[in-house]
Amino acid sequence: MPSPIQWSDDLKNRTRQALESHGLDMPVPAMEHVGFKNADGGYGQMPIKYLLEGRFVITRRGTDTVESFDTAEAVIEAGWVLD
């Protein structure tokens, strides 16, 4: 079933670039987590240490469900983008 929200190509591209660069090109201050939103209306966070290691692991807020992905594209295909 398609997601109710469709993210813009620009937002998906920014997400892909941030993940593929392991967060090194993100213009944000030092933090412990990177925030994500999902097309299903959910929110999650990825520990910055995982991003720097090239591991794509998002913990969904509210349920603490952990989702792991092999590629940046898989993150986006699952409906996740930077929040």
N, C-alpha and C. Protein backbone atom coordinates (compact mmCIF):
# COMPACT_ATOMS: atom_id res chain seq x y z
N MET A 1 0.85 -1.18 0.00
CA MET A 1 0.00 0.00 0.00
C MET A 1 0.89 1.24 0.00
N PRO A 2 0.66 2.20 -0.88
CA PRO A 2 1.48 3.40 -0.93
C PRO A 2 1.30 4.25 0.32
N SER A 3 2.36 4.96 0.69
CA SER A 3 2.31 5.83 1.86
C SER A 3 1.38 7.01 1.59
N PRO A 4 0.70 7.50 2.63
CA PRO A 4 -0.22 8.62 2.43
C PRO A 4 0.50 9.93 2.10
N ILE A 5 1.75 10.06 2.53
CA ILE A 5 2.52 11.28 2.29
C ILE A 5 3.57 10.97 1.23
N GLN A 6 3.73 11.86 0.29
CA GLN A 6 4.77 11.72 -0.73
C GLN A 6 5.80 12.83 -0.50
N TRP A 7 7.02 12.47 -0.22
CA TRP A 7 8.08 13.46 0.02
C TRP A 7 8.56 14.04 -1.30
N SER A 8 9.01 15.28 -1.25
CA SER A 8 9.53 15.93 -2.46
C SER A 8 10.86 15.29 -2.85
N ASP A 9 11.18 15.39 -4.13
CA ASP A 9 12.47 14.87 -4.61
C ASP A 9 13.62 15.58 -3.91
N ASP A 10 13.46 16.88 -3.65
CA ASP A 10 14.51 17.65 -2.97
C ASP A 10 14.78 17.09 -1.58
N LEU A 11 13.72 16.82 -0.82
CA LEU A 11 13.90 16.28 0.53
C LEU A 11 14.51 14.88 0.48
N LYS A 12 14.07 14.06 -0.45
CA LYS A 12 14.66 12.72 -0.57
C LYS A 12 16.13 12.82 -0.97
N ASN A 13 16.49 13.75 -1.85
CA ASN A 13 17.89 13.92 -2.25
C ASN A 13 18.75 14.42 -1.09
N ARG A 14 18.24 15.37 -0.31
CA ARG A 14 18.99 15.85 0.86
C ARG A 14 19.20 14.73 1.86
N THR A 15 18.19 13.90 2.06
CA THR A 15 18.31 12.75 2.97
C THR A 15 19.37 11.79 2.45
N ARG A 16 19.31 11.46 1.17
CA ARG A 16 20.27 10.53 0.56
C ARG A 16 21.69 11.07 0.71
N GLN A 17 21.90 12.37 0.44
CA GLN A 17 23.23 12.96 0.55
C GLN A 17 23.74 12.91 1.99
N ALA A 18 22.89 13.23 2.94
CA ALA A 18 23.30 13.21 4.35
C ALA A 18 23.68 11.81 4.79
N LEU A 19 22.91 10.81 4.37
CA LEU A 19 23.21 9.43 4.77
C LEU A 19 24.47 8.91 4.08
N GLU A 20 24.59 9.18 2.79
CA GLU A 20 25.75 8.67 2.05
C GLU A 20 27.06 9.34 2.47
N SER A 21 26.98 10.58 2.98
CA SER A 21 28.19 11.27 3.46
C SER A 21 28.45 10.97 4.94
N HIS A 22 27.61 10.09 5.51
CA HIS A 22 27.70 9.72 6.92
C HIS A 22 27.51 10.93 7.82
N GLY A 23 26.73 11.90 7.35
CA GLY A 23 26.40 13.07 8.14
C GLY A 23 27.45 14.16 8.14
N LEU A 24 28.55 13.94 7.44
CA LEU A 24 29.65 14.89 7.50
C LEU A 24 29.36 16.20 6.77
N ASP A 25 28.38 16.22 5.88
CA ASP A 25 28.06 17.46 5.17
C ASP A 25 26.79 18.13 5.70
N MET A 26 26.30 17.66 6.84
CA MET A 26 25.09 18.25 7.41
C MET A 26 25.45 19.52 8.17
N PRO A 27 24.82 20.64 7.82
CA PRO A 27 25.13 21.91 8.48
C PRO A 27 24.39 22.08 9.81
N VAL A 28 24.68 21.21 10.76
CA VAL A 28 24.01 21.28 12.06
C VAL A 28 25.05 21.17 13.17
N PRO A 29 24.74 21.68 14.33
CA PRO A 29 25.67 21.55 15.46
C PRO A 29 25.78 20.09 15.92
N ALA A 30 26.80 19.81 16.67
CA ALA A 30 27.00 18.46 17.20
C ALA A 30 25.77 18.03 18.00
N MET A 31 25.35 16.80 17.79
CA MET A 31 24.18 16.27 18.47
C MET A 31 24.33 14.77 18.63
N GLU A 32 23.48 14.18 19.42
CA GLU A 32 23.54 12.74 19.62
C GLU A 32 22.71 11.96 18.62
N HIS A 33 21.66 12.59 18.10
CA HIS A 33 20.73 11.90 17.20
C HIS A 33 20.35 12.79 16.03
N VAL A 34 19.99 12.14 14.93
CA VAL A 34 19.44 12.84 13.77
C VAL A 34 17.97 12.47 13.70
N GLY A 35 17.11 13.46 13.55
CA GLY A 35 15.67 13.22 13.50
C GLY A 35 15.19 12.85 12.11
N PHE A 36 14.23 11.92 12.06
CA PHE A 36 13.62 11.48 10.81
C PHE A 36 12.12 11.51 10.96
N LYS A 37 11.43 11.62 9.82
CA LYS A 37 9.98 11.48 9.79
C LYS A 37 9.65 10.46 8.71
N ASN A 38 8.52 9.78 8.92
CA ASN A 38 8.13 8.74 7.98
C ASN A 38 6.85 9.14 7.27
N ALA A 39 6.69 8.66 6.06
CA ALA A 39 5.51 8.96 5.27
C ALA A 39 4.23 8.44 5.92
N ASP A 40 4.35 7.51 6.87
CA ASP A 40 3.17 7.00 7.57
C ASP A 40 2.78 7.88 8.75
N GLY A 41 3.50 9.00 8.94
CA GLY A 41 3.19 9.93 10.02
C GLY A 41 4.04 9.74 11.26
N GLY A 42 4.88 8.72 11.28
CA GLY A 42 5.73 8.45 12.44
C GLY A 42 7.01 9.26 12.43
N TYR A 43 7.67 9.25 13.57
CA TYR A 43 8.95 9.95 13.73
C TYR A 43 9.95 8.98 14.33
N GLY A 44 11.22 9.24 14.06
CA GLY A 44 12.26 8.38 14.60
C GLY A 44 13.56 9.13 14.72
N GLN A 45 14.55 8.44 15.25
CA GLN A 45 15.86 9.06 15.39
C GLN A 45 16.95 8.03 15.15
N MET A 46 18.07 8.53 14.62
CA MET A 46 19.23 7.71 14.33
C MET A 46 20.39 8.25 15.17
N PRO A 47 21.02 7.41 15.98
CA PRO A 47 22.19 7.88 16.72
C PRO A 47 23.27 8.37 15.75
N ILE A 48 23.83 9.54 16.03
CA ILE A 48 24.83 10.11 15.14
C ILE A 48 26.04 9.18 15.02
N LYS A 49 26.35 8.44 16.08
CA LYS A 49 27.50 7.52 16.01
C LYS A 49 27.27 6.45 14.96
N TYR A 50 26.04 5.97 14.80
CA TYR A 50 25.74 4.98 13.76
C TYR A 50 25.87 5.61 12.37
N LEU A 51 25.37 6.82 12.22
CA LEU A 51 25.46 7.50 10.95
C LEU A 51 26.92 7.68 10.55
N LEU A 52 27.76 8.10 11.49
CA LEU A 52 29.18 8.29 11.21
C LEU A 52 29.87 6.98 10.83
N GLU A 53 29.35 5.88 11.33
CA GLU A 53 29.88 4.55 11.00
C GLU A 53 29.29 3.99 9.70
N GLY A 54 28.33 4.70 9.11
CA GLY A 54 27.68 4.22 7.90
C GLY A 54 26.63 3.17 8.16
N ARG A 55 26.12 3.14 9.39
CA ARG A 55 25.05 2.20 9.75
C ARG A 55 23.74 2.99 9.79
N PHE A 56 22.72 2.48 9.13
CA PHE A 56 21.45 3.18 9.04
C PHE A 56 20.42 2.49 9.94
N VAL A 57 20.35 2.97 11.18
CA VAL A 57 19.49 2.37 12.20
C VAL A 57 18.59 3.47 12.76
N ILE A 58 17.28 3.31 12.59
CA ILE A 58 16.32 4.30 13.07
C ILE A 58 15.44 3.66 14.13
N THR A 59 15.32 4.35 15.28
CA THR A 59 14.41 3.91 16.34
C THR A 59 13.16 4.76 16.26
N ARG A 60 12.03 4.11 16.09
CA ARG A 60 10.75 4.81 15.96
C ARG A 60 10.31 5.33 17.32
N ARG A 61 9.98 6.61 17.37
CA ARG A 61 9.50 7.22 18.62
C ARG A 61 8.13 6.65 18.98
N GLY A 62 7.93 6.47 20.26
CA GLY A 62 6.64 5.99 20.75
C GLY A 62 6.58 4.50 20.92
N THR A 63 7.22 3.76 20.01
CA THR A 63 7.19 2.30 20.10
C THR A 63 8.57 1.71 20.36
N ASP A 64 9.61 2.51 20.15
CA ASP A 64 11.00 2.07 20.29
C ASP A 64 11.33 0.91 19.36
N THR A 65 10.57 0.76 18.28
CA THR A 65 10.86 -0.24 17.26
C THR A 65 12.12 0.19 16.52
N VAL A 66 13.05 -0.74 16.33
CA VAL A 66 14.30 -0.44 15.65
C VAL A 66 14.24 -0.99 14.23
N GLU A 67 14.57 -0.13 13.27
CA GLU A 67 14.60 -0.52 11.88
C GLU A 67 16.02 -0.30 11.36
N SER A 68 16.60 -1.32 10.74
CA SER A 68 17.96 -1.23 10.18
C SER A 68 17.89 -1.36 8.67
N PHE A 69 18.75 -0.61 8.00
CA PHE A 69 18.77 -0.58 6.54
C PHE A 69 20.20 -0.73 6.04
N ASP A 70 20.35 -1.36 4.87
CA ASP A 70 21.67 -1.57 4.29
C ASP A 70 22.17 -0.38 3.49
N THR A 71 21.24 0.40 2.95
CA THR A 71 21.63 1.53 2.09
C THR A 71 20.78 2.75 2.40
N ALA A 72 21.27 3.91 1.97
CA ALA A 72 20.50 5.15 2.11
C ALA A 72 19.21 5.05 1.31
N GLU A 73 19.28 4.44 0.14
CA GLU A 73 18.09 4.30 -0.69
C GLU A 73 17.02 3.46 0.00
N ALA A 74 17.43 2.43 0.74
CA ALA A 74 16.48 1.59 1.47
C ALA A 74 15.77 2.39 2.57
N VAL A 75 16.48 3.32 3.20
CA VAL A 75 15.88 4.19 4.21
C VAL A 75 14.76 5.01 3.57
N ILE A 76 15.06 5.61 2.42
CA ILE A 76 14.09 6.46 1.73
C ILE A 76 12.92 5.64 1.21
N GLU A 77 13.20 4.46 0.66
CA GLU A 77 12.13 3.60 0.14
C GLU A 77 11.18 3.15 1.26
N ALA A 78 11.69 3.09 2.50
CA ALA A 78 10.83 2.72 3.63
C ALA A 78 10.02 3.90 4.14
N GLY A 79 10.17 5.07 3.47
CA GLY A 79 9.37 6.24 3.84
C GLY A 79 10.05 7.24 4.75
N TRP A 80 11.31 6.98 5.12
CA TRP A 80 12.03 7.87 6.04
C TRP A 80 12.77 8.98 5.30
N VAL A 81 12.70 10.19 5.83
CA VAL A 81 13.48 11.34 5.37
C VAL A 81 13.89 12.16 6.58
N LEU A 82 14.85 13.04 6.38
CA LEU A 82 15.28 13.93 7.47
C LEU A 82 14.11 14.78 7.94
N ASP A 83 14.05 14.99 9.24
CA ASP A 83 12.99 15.83 9.80
C ASP A 83 13.55 17.22 10.04
